[in-house]
N, C-alpha and C. Protein backbone atom coordinates (compact mmCIF):
# COMPACT_ATOMS: atom_id res chain seq x y z
N UNK A 1 -25.57 22.52 -10.49
CA UNK A 1 -26.22 22.37 -9.19
C UNK A 1 -26.13 20.92 -8.69
N UNK A 2 -26.31 19.95 -9.60
CA UNK A 2 -26.22 18.56 -9.19
C UNK A 2 -24.83 18.23 -8.66
N UNK A 3 -23.81 18.79 -9.29
CA UNK A 3 -22.44 18.55 -8.85
C UNK A 3 -22.26 19.02 -7.41
N UNK A 4 -22.82 20.18 -7.08
CA UNK A 4 -22.71 20.70 -5.71
C UNK A 4 -23.41 19.78 -4.72
N UNK A 5 -24.60 19.25 -5.10
CA UNK A 5 -25.31 18.33 -4.21
C UNK A 5 -24.50 17.06 -3.98
N UNK A 6 -23.89 16.55 -5.04
CA UNK A 6 -23.07 15.36 -4.93
C UNK A 6 -21.88 15.62 -4.02
N UNK A 7 -21.23 16.75 -4.19
CA UNK A 7 -20.08 17.11 -3.35
C UNK A 7 -20.53 17.28 -1.89
N UNK A 8 -21.70 17.87 -1.71
CA UNK A 8 -22.23 18.04 -0.35
C UNK A 8 -22.47 16.71 0.33
N UNK A 9 -23.00 15.74 -0.41
CA UNK A 9 -23.23 14.40 0.14
C UNK A 9 -21.92 13.74 0.53
N UNK A 10 -20.92 13.89 -0.32
CA UNK A 10 -19.60 13.32 -0.02
C UNK A 10 -19.03 13.98 1.23
N UNK A 11 -19.18 15.30 1.34
CA UNK A 11 -18.68 16.02 2.51
C UNK A 11 -19.38 15.53 3.79
N UNK A 12 -20.69 15.29 3.72
CA UNK A 12 -21.43 14.79 4.89
C UNK A 12 -20.91 13.43 5.30
N UNK A 13 -20.71 12.53 4.33
CA UNK A 13 -20.18 11.20 4.66
C UNK A 13 -18.81 11.33 5.29
N UNK A 14 -17.95 12.18 4.73
CA UNK A 14 -16.62 12.39 5.31
C UNK A 14 -16.72 12.93 6.73
N UNK A 15 -17.67 13.84 6.97
CA UNK A 15 -17.84 14.40 8.31
C UNK A 15 -18.37 13.37 9.29
N UNK A 16 -19.26 12.48 8.84
CA UNK A 16 -19.74 11.41 9.73
C UNK A 16 -18.57 10.53 10.12
N UNK A 17 -17.75 10.15 9.13
CA UNK A 17 -16.61 9.29 9.40
C UNK A 17 -15.63 9.97 10.35
N UNK A 18 -15.39 11.27 10.16
CA UNK A 18 -14.42 11.96 11.01
C UNK A 18 -14.99 12.37 12.36
N UNK A 19 -16.29 12.19 12.56
CA UNK A 19 -16.89 12.44 13.86
C UNK A 19 -17.47 13.83 14.04
N UNK A 20 -17.49 14.65 13.00
CA UNK A 20 -18.03 16.00 13.15
C UNK A 20 -19.52 15.99 13.43
N UNK A 21 -20.24 14.97 12.97
CA UNK A 21 -21.67 14.89 13.20
C UNK A 21 -21.99 13.87 14.29
N UNK A 22 -21.05 13.61 15.15
CA UNK A 22 -21.27 12.67 16.24
C UNK A 22 -22.39 13.16 17.14
N UNK A 23 -23.21 12.21 17.61
CA UNK A 23 -24.32 12.59 18.48
C UNK A 23 -23.89 12.67 19.93
N UNK A 24 -22.63 12.36 20.20
CA UNK A 24 -22.14 12.42 21.57
C UNK A 24 -20.79 13.13 21.59
N UNK A 25 -20.33 13.47 22.77
CA UNK A 25 -19.02 14.10 22.93
C UNK A 25 -17.97 13.03 23.15
N UNK A 26 -16.87 13.11 22.44
CA UNK A 26 -15.81 12.12 22.62
C UNK A 26 -15.15 12.27 23.98
N UNK A 27 -14.90 11.14 24.61
CA UNK A 27 -14.18 11.11 25.87
C UNK A 27 -12.69 11.19 25.54
N UNK A 28 -12.00 12.13 26.09
CA UNK A 28 -10.60 12.34 25.76
C UNK A 28 -9.66 11.40 26.51
N UNK A 29 -10.15 10.67 27.50
CA UNK A 29 -9.28 9.75 28.23
C UNK A 29 -9.18 8.43 27.48
N UNK A 30 -8.05 7.78 27.61
CA UNK A 30 -7.88 6.49 26.96
C UNK A 30 -8.19 5.39 27.95
N UNK A 31 -8.63 4.27 27.44
CA UNK A 31 -8.98 3.14 28.26
C UNK A 31 -8.55 1.89 27.51
N UNK A 32 -7.97 0.91 28.20
CA UNK A 32 -7.50 -0.28 27.51
C UNK A 32 -8.62 -1.09 26.86
N UNK A 33 -9.87 -0.85 27.26
CA UNK A 33 -10.98 -1.60 26.67
C UNK A 33 -11.37 -1.06 25.30
N UNK A 34 -10.83 0.06 24.89
CA UNK A 34 -11.15 0.59 23.57
C UNK A 34 -9.91 0.53 22.70
N UNK A 35 -10.13 0.25 21.45
CA UNK A 35 -9.02 0.26 20.51
C UNK A 35 -9.52 0.88 19.22
N UNK A 36 -9.38 2.19 19.12
CA UNK A 36 -9.83 2.90 17.95
C UNK A 36 -8.81 2.88 16.82
N UNK A 37 -7.58 2.47 17.11
CA UNK A 37 -6.55 2.37 16.08
C UNK A 37 -6.65 0.97 15.47
N UNK A 38 -7.12 0.90 14.25
CA UNK A 38 -7.34 -0.39 13.60
C UNK A 38 -6.33 -0.57 12.47
N UNK A 39 -5.54 -1.61 12.61
CA UNK A 39 -4.58 -1.97 11.57
C UNK A 39 -4.92 -3.32 10.95
N UNK A 40 -5.41 -4.23 11.82
CA UNK A 40 -5.62 -5.62 11.41
C UNK A 40 -7.10 -5.99 11.55
N UNK A 41 -7.63 -6.59 10.50
CA UNK A 41 -9.04 -6.97 10.47
C UNK A 41 -9.15 -8.44 10.08
N UNK A 42 -9.86 -9.21 10.91
CA UNK A 42 -10.19 -10.60 10.56
C UNK A 42 -11.48 -10.57 9.75
N UNK A 43 -11.55 -11.39 8.72
CA UNK A 43 -12.77 -11.46 7.92
C UNK A 43 -13.09 -12.91 7.63
N UNK A 44 -14.37 -13.23 7.71
CA UNK A 44 -14.83 -14.59 7.43
C UNK A 44 -16.21 -14.56 6.83
N UNK A 45 -16.61 -15.73 6.31
CA UNK A 45 -17.95 -15.85 5.74
C UNK A 45 -18.35 -17.31 5.68
N UNK A 46 -19.64 -17.50 5.46
CA UNK A 46 -20.10 -18.82 5.06
C UNK A 46 -20.25 -18.78 3.54
N UNK A 47 -20.81 -19.82 2.96
CA UNK A 47 -20.96 -19.86 1.51
C UNK A 47 -21.86 -18.74 0.99
N UNK A 48 -22.88 -18.34 1.76
CA UNK A 48 -23.79 -17.28 1.34
C UNK A 48 -23.14 -15.91 1.31
N UNK A 49 -22.11 -15.71 2.10
CA UNK A 49 -21.42 -14.42 2.15
C UNK A 49 -20.08 -14.42 1.45
N UNK A 50 -19.72 -15.57 0.84
CA UNK A 50 -18.39 -15.72 0.25
C UNK A 50 -18.06 -14.64 -0.79
N UNK A 51 -18.95 -14.42 -1.74
CA UNK A 51 -18.65 -13.45 -2.81
C UNK A 51 -18.43 -12.05 -2.24
N UNK A 52 -19.29 -11.63 -1.31
CA UNK A 52 -19.13 -10.31 -0.69
C UNK A 52 -17.84 -10.25 0.11
N UNK A 53 -17.51 -11.32 0.84
CA UNK A 53 -16.27 -11.34 1.63
C UNK A 53 -15.06 -11.15 0.74
N UNK A 54 -15.03 -11.82 -0.39
CA UNK A 54 -13.88 -11.71 -1.28
C UNK A 54 -13.71 -10.28 -1.79
N UNK A 55 -14.80 -9.61 -2.11
CA UNK A 55 -14.74 -8.22 -2.57
C UNK A 55 -14.36 -7.29 -1.42
N UNK A 56 -14.91 -7.54 -0.24
CA UNK A 56 -14.58 -6.71 0.93
C UNK A 56 -13.11 -6.87 1.30
N UNK A 57 -12.58 -8.05 1.17
CA UNK A 57 -11.18 -8.30 1.49
C UNK A 57 -10.27 -7.41 0.63
N UNK A 58 -10.52 -7.36 -0.66
CA UNK A 58 -9.73 -6.51 -1.56
C UNK A 58 -9.92 -5.04 -1.19
N UNK A 59 -11.16 -4.65 -0.94
CA UNK A 59 -11.47 -3.27 -0.55
C UNK A 59 -10.68 -2.87 0.70
N UNK A 60 -10.67 -3.72 1.71
CA UNK A 60 -9.95 -3.44 2.95
C UNK A 60 -8.45 -3.33 2.72
N UNK A 61 -7.92 -4.20 1.91
CA UNK A 61 -6.49 -4.15 1.61
C UNK A 61 -6.14 -2.86 0.87
N UNK A 62 -7.01 -2.43 -0.03
CA UNK A 62 -6.78 -1.17 -0.75
C UNK A 62 -6.83 0.02 0.20
N UNK A 63 -7.60 -0.08 1.29
CA UNK A 63 -7.65 0.98 2.30
C UNK A 63 -6.44 0.94 3.23
N UNK A 64 -5.62 -0.11 3.13
CA UNK A 64 -4.41 -0.20 3.93
C UNK A 64 -4.48 -1.10 5.14
N UNK A 65 -5.57 -1.83 5.31
CA UNK A 65 -5.69 -2.75 6.45
C UNK A 65 -4.97 -4.06 6.13
N UNK A 66 -4.41 -4.67 7.18
CA UNK A 66 -3.89 -6.03 7.07
C UNK A 66 -5.05 -6.96 7.34
N UNK A 67 -5.38 -7.79 6.38
CA UNK A 67 -6.58 -8.62 6.46
C UNK A 67 -6.21 -10.08 6.68
N UNK A 68 -6.84 -10.70 7.67
CA UNK A 68 -6.69 -12.12 7.92
C UNK A 68 -7.99 -12.80 7.52
N UNK A 69 -7.94 -13.61 6.49
CA UNK A 69 -9.11 -14.33 5.99
C UNK A 69 -9.17 -15.69 6.67
N UNK A 70 -10.23 -15.92 7.46
CA UNK A 70 -10.37 -17.18 8.18
C UNK A 70 -11.28 -18.16 7.45
N UNK A 71 -11.67 -17.83 6.23
CA UNK A 71 -12.51 -18.72 5.44
C UNK A 71 -13.97 -18.29 5.47
N UNK A 72 -14.76 -18.95 4.77
CA UNK A 72 -14.58 -20.06 3.89
C UNK A 72 -13.89 -19.60 2.61
N UNK A 73 -13.41 -20.58 1.85
CA UNK A 73 -12.58 -20.24 0.71
C UNK A 73 -13.24 -20.59 -0.63
N UNK A 74 -14.52 -20.94 -0.61
CA UNK A 74 -15.27 -21.20 -1.84
C UNK A 74 -16.77 -21.17 -1.52
N UNK A 75 -17.58 -21.52 -2.49
CA UNK A 75 -19.04 -21.43 -2.31
C UNK A 75 -19.67 -22.75 -1.90
N UNK A 76 -18.87 -23.74 -1.55
CA UNK A 76 -19.44 -25.00 -1.05
C UNK A 76 -20.13 -24.75 0.29
N UNK A 77 -21.22 -25.43 0.51
CA UNK A 77 -22.02 -25.23 1.72
C UNK A 77 -21.21 -25.53 2.99
N UNK A 78 -21.24 -24.58 3.92
CA UNK A 78 -20.55 -24.71 5.21
C UNK A 78 -21.47 -24.16 6.29
N UNK A 79 -21.09 -24.35 7.54
CA UNK A 79 -21.87 -23.86 8.67
C UNK A 79 -21.26 -22.56 9.18
N UNK A 80 -22.05 -21.48 9.18
CA UNK A 80 -21.54 -20.17 9.58
C UNK A 80 -20.96 -20.12 10.99
N UNK A 81 -21.46 -20.93 11.97
CA UNK A 81 -20.86 -20.81 13.31
C UNK A 81 -19.36 -21.10 13.34
N UNK A 82 -18.90 -22.00 12.47
CA UNK A 82 -17.47 -22.34 12.46
C UNK A 82 -16.61 -21.13 12.10
N UNK A 83 -17.07 -20.32 11.17
CA UNK A 83 -16.29 -19.18 10.70
C UNK A 83 -16.51 -17.94 11.56
N UNK A 84 -17.72 -17.79 12.08
CA UNK A 84 -17.98 -16.69 13.02
C UNK A 84 -17.10 -16.84 14.26
N UNK A 85 -16.96 -18.06 14.74
CA UNK A 85 -16.11 -18.32 15.89
C UNK A 85 -14.65 -17.97 15.58
N UNK A 86 -14.18 -18.33 14.40
CA UNK A 86 -12.79 -18.02 14.02
C UNK A 86 -12.55 -16.50 14.01
N UNK A 87 -13.52 -15.74 13.46
CA UNK A 87 -13.38 -14.28 13.44
C UNK A 87 -13.33 -13.76 14.88
N UNK A 88 -14.27 -14.21 15.71
CA UNK A 88 -14.34 -13.74 17.10
C UNK A 88 -13.05 -14.05 17.86
N UNK A 89 -12.50 -15.22 17.65
CA UNK A 89 -11.28 -15.61 18.37
C UNK A 89 -10.07 -14.80 17.92
N UNK A 90 -10.03 -14.40 16.65
CA UNK A 90 -8.93 -13.54 16.18
C UNK A 90 -8.97 -12.19 16.89
N UNK A 91 -10.17 -11.68 17.12
CA UNK A 91 -10.32 -10.40 17.82
C UNK A 91 -10.03 -10.58 19.31
N UNK A 92 -10.60 -11.62 19.91
CA UNK A 92 -10.39 -11.87 21.34
C UNK A 92 -8.90 -12.03 21.67
N UNK A 93 -8.17 -12.73 20.81
CA UNK A 93 -6.74 -13.00 21.07
C UNK A 93 -5.87 -11.76 20.88
N UNK A 94 -6.40 -10.75 20.19
CA UNK A 94 -5.60 -9.56 19.89
C UNK A 94 -4.85 -9.65 18.57
N UNK A 95 -4.98 -10.78 17.88
CA UNK A 95 -4.35 -10.90 16.56
C UNK A 95 -4.89 -9.83 15.61
N UNK A 96 -6.16 -9.49 15.77
CA UNK A 96 -6.81 -8.45 14.96
C UNK A 96 -7.58 -7.52 15.89
N UNK A 97 -7.58 -6.23 15.56
CA UNK A 97 -8.32 -5.28 16.40
C UNK A 97 -9.83 -5.36 16.15
N UNK A 98 -10.21 -5.70 14.94
CA UNK A 98 -11.64 -5.81 14.60
C UNK A 98 -11.87 -7.03 13.72
N UNK A 99 -13.13 -7.44 13.68
CA UNK A 99 -13.51 -8.57 12.84
C UNK A 99 -14.77 -8.26 12.06
N UNK A 100 -14.88 -8.89 10.90
CA UNK A 100 -16.06 -8.77 10.05
C UNK A 100 -16.47 -10.17 9.61
N UNK A 101 -17.75 -10.49 9.81
CA UNK A 101 -18.28 -11.79 9.41
C UNK A 101 -19.47 -11.56 8.50
N UNK A 102 -19.46 -12.24 7.35
CA UNK A 102 -20.51 -12.07 6.35
C UNK A 102 -21.20 -13.41 6.13
N UNK A 103 -22.50 -13.44 6.34
CA UNK A 103 -23.27 -14.64 6.00
C UNK A 103 -24.52 -14.19 5.25
N UNK A 104 -25.52 -15.06 5.17
CA UNK A 104 -26.71 -14.75 4.41
C UNK A 104 -27.50 -13.57 4.93
N UNK A 105 -27.60 -13.44 6.25
CA UNK A 105 -28.36 -12.34 6.85
C UNK A 105 -27.58 -11.60 7.93
N UNK A 106 -26.54 -12.20 8.49
CA UNK A 106 -25.75 -11.58 9.55
C UNK A 106 -26.26 -11.87 10.95
N UNK A 107 -27.45 -12.41 11.06
CA UNK A 107 -28.07 -12.61 12.37
C UNK A 107 -27.39 -13.73 13.14
N UNK A 108 -27.31 -14.91 12.54
CA UNK A 108 -26.71 -16.05 13.23
C UNK A 108 -25.26 -15.82 13.61
N UNK A 109 -24.52 -15.21 12.72
CA UNK A 109 -23.11 -14.94 13.02
C UNK A 109 -22.95 -13.98 14.19
N UNK A 110 -23.83 -13.01 14.29
CA UNK A 110 -23.80 -12.09 15.42
C UNK A 110 -24.04 -12.85 16.72
N UNK A 111 -25.00 -13.76 16.70
CA UNK A 111 -25.30 -14.57 17.90
C UNK A 111 -24.10 -15.41 18.31
N UNK A 112 -23.45 -16.03 17.34
CA UNK A 112 -22.28 -16.87 17.62
C UNK A 112 -21.15 -16.02 18.21
N UNK A 113 -20.82 -14.93 17.54
CA UNK A 113 -19.71 -14.09 18.00
C UNK A 113 -19.95 -13.59 19.42
N UNK A 114 -21.19 -13.26 19.74
CA UNK A 114 -21.50 -12.74 21.07
C UNK A 114 -21.46 -13.80 22.17
N UNK A 115 -21.21 -15.05 21.82
CA UNK A 115 -21.00 -16.11 22.82
C UNK A 115 -19.55 -16.14 23.30
N UNK A 116 -18.67 -15.39 22.64
CA UNK A 116 -17.25 -15.37 22.98
C UNK A 116 -16.98 -14.19 23.91
N UNK A 117 -16.40 -14.47 25.07
CA UNK A 117 -16.09 -13.40 26.04
C UNK A 117 -15.26 -12.29 25.40
N UNK A 118 -15.66 -11.05 25.66
CA UNK A 118 -14.92 -9.90 25.17
C UNK A 118 -15.35 -9.42 23.79
N UNK A 119 -16.24 -10.17 23.17
CA UNK A 119 -16.70 -9.78 21.84
C UNK A 119 -18.04 -9.05 21.96
N UNK A 120 -18.11 -7.92 21.24
CA UNK A 120 -19.35 -7.15 21.13
C UNK A 120 -19.65 -7.04 19.66
N UNK A 121 -20.35 -8.05 19.15
CA UNK A 121 -20.67 -8.11 17.72
C UNK A 121 -21.97 -7.37 17.45
N UNK A 122 -21.99 -6.67 16.33
CA UNK A 122 -23.17 -5.91 15.94
C UNK A 122 -23.54 -6.23 14.50
N UNK A 123 -24.80 -6.59 14.30
CA UNK A 123 -25.33 -6.74 12.96
C UNK A 123 -25.73 -5.35 12.49
N UNK A 124 -25.08 -4.87 11.46
CA UNK A 124 -25.38 -3.53 10.93
C UNK A 124 -25.91 -3.66 9.52
N UNK A 125 -26.88 -2.82 9.21
CA UNK A 125 -27.53 -2.90 7.90
C UNK A 125 -27.59 -1.56 7.18
N UNK A 126 -27.02 -0.50 7.79
CA UNK A 126 -26.92 0.80 7.14
C UNK A 126 -25.87 1.63 7.87
N UNK A 127 -25.64 2.86 7.40
CA UNK A 127 -24.60 3.70 8.00
C UNK A 127 -24.94 4.09 9.43
N UNK A 128 -26.21 4.35 9.72
CA UNK A 128 -26.58 4.76 11.08
C UNK A 128 -26.31 3.65 12.09
N UNK A 129 -26.64 2.40 11.75
CA UNK A 129 -26.38 1.32 12.69
C UNK A 129 -24.88 1.06 12.83
N UNK A 130 -24.13 1.27 11.75
CA UNK A 130 -22.67 1.11 11.83
C UNK A 130 -22.06 2.13 12.78
N UNK A 131 -22.46 3.39 12.64
CA UNK A 131 -21.95 4.45 13.52
C UNK A 131 -22.38 4.18 14.96
N UNK A 132 -23.64 3.87 15.16
CA UNK A 132 -24.14 3.64 16.52
C UNK A 132 -23.43 2.47 17.19
N UNK A 133 -23.19 1.39 16.45
CA UNK A 133 -22.55 0.22 17.05
C UNK A 133 -21.15 0.53 17.55
N UNK A 134 -20.46 1.44 16.89
CA UNK A 134 -19.12 1.81 17.33
C UNK A 134 -19.17 2.91 18.38
N UNK A 135 -19.88 4.00 18.06
CA UNK A 135 -19.92 5.17 18.94
C UNK A 135 -20.51 4.84 20.31
N UNK A 136 -21.58 4.12 20.34
CA UNK A 136 -22.31 3.87 21.59
C UNK A 136 -21.97 2.53 22.23
N UNK A 137 -21.72 1.50 21.40
CA UNK A 137 -21.57 0.14 21.92
C UNK A 137 -20.16 -0.42 21.83
N UNK A 138 -19.23 0.35 21.24
CA UNK A 138 -17.85 -0.09 21.11
C UNK A 138 -17.75 -1.49 20.51
N UNK A 139 -18.55 -1.74 19.47
CA UNK A 139 -18.53 -3.05 18.81
C UNK A 139 -17.15 -3.34 18.24
N UNK A 140 -16.72 -4.60 18.40
CA UNK A 140 -15.42 -4.98 17.84
C UNK A 140 -15.55 -6.03 16.73
N UNK A 141 -16.77 -6.51 16.50
CA UNK A 141 -17.04 -7.39 15.36
C UNK A 141 -18.29 -6.87 14.66
N UNK A 142 -18.22 -6.80 13.35
CA UNK A 142 -19.33 -6.39 12.50
C UNK A 142 -19.84 -7.62 11.77
N UNK A 143 -21.15 -7.86 11.84
CA UNK A 143 -21.72 -8.93 11.03
C UNK A 143 -22.64 -8.31 9.99
N UNK A 144 -22.62 -8.93 8.82
CA UNK A 144 -23.36 -8.40 7.67
C UNK A 144 -24.08 -9.52 6.94
N UNK A 145 -25.22 -9.18 6.38
CA UNK A 145 -25.91 -10.06 5.45
C UNK A 145 -25.45 -9.73 4.05
N UNK A 146 -24.46 -10.41 3.56
CA UNK A 146 -23.85 -10.09 2.27
C UNK A 146 -24.82 -10.00 1.10
N UNK A 147 -25.66 -11.01 0.91
CA UNK A 147 -26.56 -10.98 -0.25
C UNK A 147 -27.69 -9.94 -0.13
N UNK A 148 -27.84 -9.33 1.01
CA UNK A 148 -28.94 -8.38 1.23
C UNK A 148 -28.60 -6.96 0.78
N UNK A 149 -27.35 -6.71 0.40
CA UNK A 149 -26.90 -5.36 0.08
C UNK A 149 -26.11 -5.35 -1.22
N UNK A 150 -26.22 -4.25 -1.98
CA UNK A 150 -25.27 -4.08 -3.10
C UNK A 150 -23.86 -3.92 -2.52
N UNK A 151 -22.85 -4.34 -3.25
CA UNK A 151 -21.49 -4.31 -2.73
C UNK A 151 -21.05 -2.90 -2.36
N UNK A 152 -21.48 -1.89 -3.09
CA UNK A 152 -21.10 -0.50 -2.78
C UNK A 152 -21.61 -0.10 -1.40
N UNK A 153 -22.80 -0.56 -1.05
CA UNK A 153 -23.35 -0.27 0.27
C UNK A 153 -22.54 -0.98 1.36
N UNK A 154 -22.14 -2.21 1.10
CA UNK A 154 -21.29 -2.92 2.07
C UNK A 154 -19.96 -2.20 2.25
N UNK A 155 -19.39 -1.69 1.17
CA UNK A 155 -18.14 -0.93 1.27
C UNK A 155 -18.33 0.26 2.20
N UNK A 156 -19.41 1.01 2.01
CA UNK A 156 -19.66 2.19 2.84
C UNK A 156 -19.85 1.82 4.31
N UNK A 157 -20.65 0.78 4.56
CA UNK A 157 -20.90 0.35 5.94
C UNK A 157 -19.59 -0.04 6.62
N UNK A 158 -18.79 -0.84 5.95
CA UNK A 158 -17.53 -1.32 6.51
C UNK A 158 -16.57 -0.17 6.77
N UNK A 159 -16.42 0.72 5.81
CA UNK A 159 -15.50 1.85 5.97
C UNK A 159 -15.91 2.74 7.14
N UNK A 160 -17.18 3.08 7.21
CA UNK A 160 -17.68 3.92 8.30
C UNK A 160 -17.51 3.20 9.64
N UNK A 161 -17.82 1.92 9.69
CA UNK A 161 -17.70 1.15 10.93
C UNK A 161 -16.25 1.12 11.42
N UNK A 162 -15.32 0.88 10.52
CA UNK A 162 -13.91 0.82 10.92
C UNK A 162 -13.35 2.17 11.34
N UNK A 163 -13.88 3.26 10.80
CA UNK A 163 -13.33 4.58 11.08
C UNK A 163 -14.06 5.33 12.20
N UNK A 164 -15.17 4.80 12.67
CA UNK A 164 -15.92 5.46 13.74
C UNK A 164 -15.31 5.12 15.09
N UNK A 165 -15.07 6.14 15.89
CA UNK A 165 -14.48 5.95 17.22
C UNK A 165 -15.56 5.76 18.28
N UNK A 166 -15.21 5.03 19.31
CA UNK A 166 -16.09 4.88 20.47
C UNK A 166 -16.16 6.22 21.19
N UNK A 167 -17.36 6.67 21.51
CA UNK A 167 -17.56 8.00 22.10
C UNK A 167 -17.21 8.05 23.58
N UNK A 168 -17.22 6.92 24.27
CA UNK A 168 -16.93 6.94 25.71
C UNK A 168 -18.00 7.68 26.47
N UNK A 169 -17.58 8.51 27.43
CA UNK A 169 -18.53 9.32 28.19
C UNK A 169 -19.64 8.50 28.82
N UNK A 170 -20.87 8.93 28.60
CA UNK A 170 -22.03 8.28 29.21
C UNK A 170 -22.19 6.82 28.78
N UNK A 171 -21.53 6.43 27.68
CA UNK A 171 -21.67 5.06 27.18
C UNK A 171 -20.85 4.06 27.99
N UNK A 172 -19.84 4.54 28.72
CA UNK A 172 -19.02 3.62 29.53
C UNK A 172 -19.86 2.86 30.53
N UNK A 173 -20.79 3.53 31.17
CA UNK A 173 -21.63 2.88 32.18
C UNK A 173 -22.37 1.69 31.56
N UNK A 174 -22.86 1.88 30.37
CA UNK A 174 -23.62 0.82 29.70
C UNK A 174 -22.71 -0.31 29.23
N UNK A 175 -21.54 0.04 28.73
CA UNK A 175 -20.58 -0.99 28.31
C UNK A 175 -20.16 -1.81 29.52
N UNK A 176 -19.90 -1.14 30.64
CA UNK A 176 -19.51 -1.87 31.85
C UNK A 176 -20.62 -2.79 32.33
N UNK A 177 -21.87 -2.36 32.22
CA UNK A 177 -22.99 -3.25 32.58
C UNK A 177 -23.05 -4.46 31.65
N UNK A 178 -22.83 -4.21 30.37
CA UNK A 178 -22.82 -5.29 29.39
C UNK A 178 -21.74 -6.31 29.73
N UNK A 179 -20.55 -5.82 30.05
CA UNK A 179 -19.44 -6.70 30.34
C UNK A 179 -19.65 -7.43 31.67
N UNK A 180 -20.33 -6.80 32.62
CA UNK A 180 -20.66 -7.45 33.89
C UNK A 180 -21.61 -8.62 33.64
N UNK A 181 -22.59 -8.42 32.79
CA UNK A 181 -23.51 -9.51 32.45
C UNK A 181 -22.74 -10.66 31.81
N UNK A 182 -21.81 -10.33 30.94
CA UNK A 182 -20.98 -11.36 30.31
C UNK A 182 -20.21 -12.16 31.36
N UNK A 183 -19.60 -11.48 32.32
CA UNK A 183 -18.83 -12.15 33.37
C UNK A 183 -19.71 -13.08 34.20
N UNK A 184 -20.93 -12.65 34.47
CA UNK A 184 -21.82 -13.45 35.33
C UNK A 184 -22.47 -14.63 34.62
N UNK A 185 -22.73 -14.50 33.33
CA UNK A 185 -23.54 -15.52 32.66
C UNK A 185 -22.85 -16.29 31.53
N UNK A 186 -21.70 -15.84 31.09
CA UNK A 186 -21.01 -16.60 30.03
C UNK A 186 -19.84 -17.39 30.59
């Protein structure tokens, strides 16, 4: 019986990733503002997120992503804004379709990334926030608090976030409002 429960849990996670349990209907039209095909991922961290970043980098490569590591490259103390900006610029330039930034809590890096035009960074702390940030908000940068999670949980969050498609539909109106605010105030 336990084996069946375990298999059922795996099936649910697979269904969430594939969109079967999506809370919205997928928009079948394509739009240049969405890029659900992810091949290249920029990843960065500060010293607090370094260990998690290094493990996530290997995990992403094993999943078949081309990973661009923008640093930091050791555990010496550094300032997270420098690396969050590098991740955001890789996504903005189109060098990478998505970015991941890992620091002590993920909060500051999210704030930094969201100062860059065209970036919609989301601090995610579980599978529901990862799905929501993609499905509803079309996030293109994920920020994480590396030391706040076991590595297996970070793997799950990252995988689900990268594989979740933007739902479009009713969410376009909100994304367009978000982008209008960016144009007016950034």
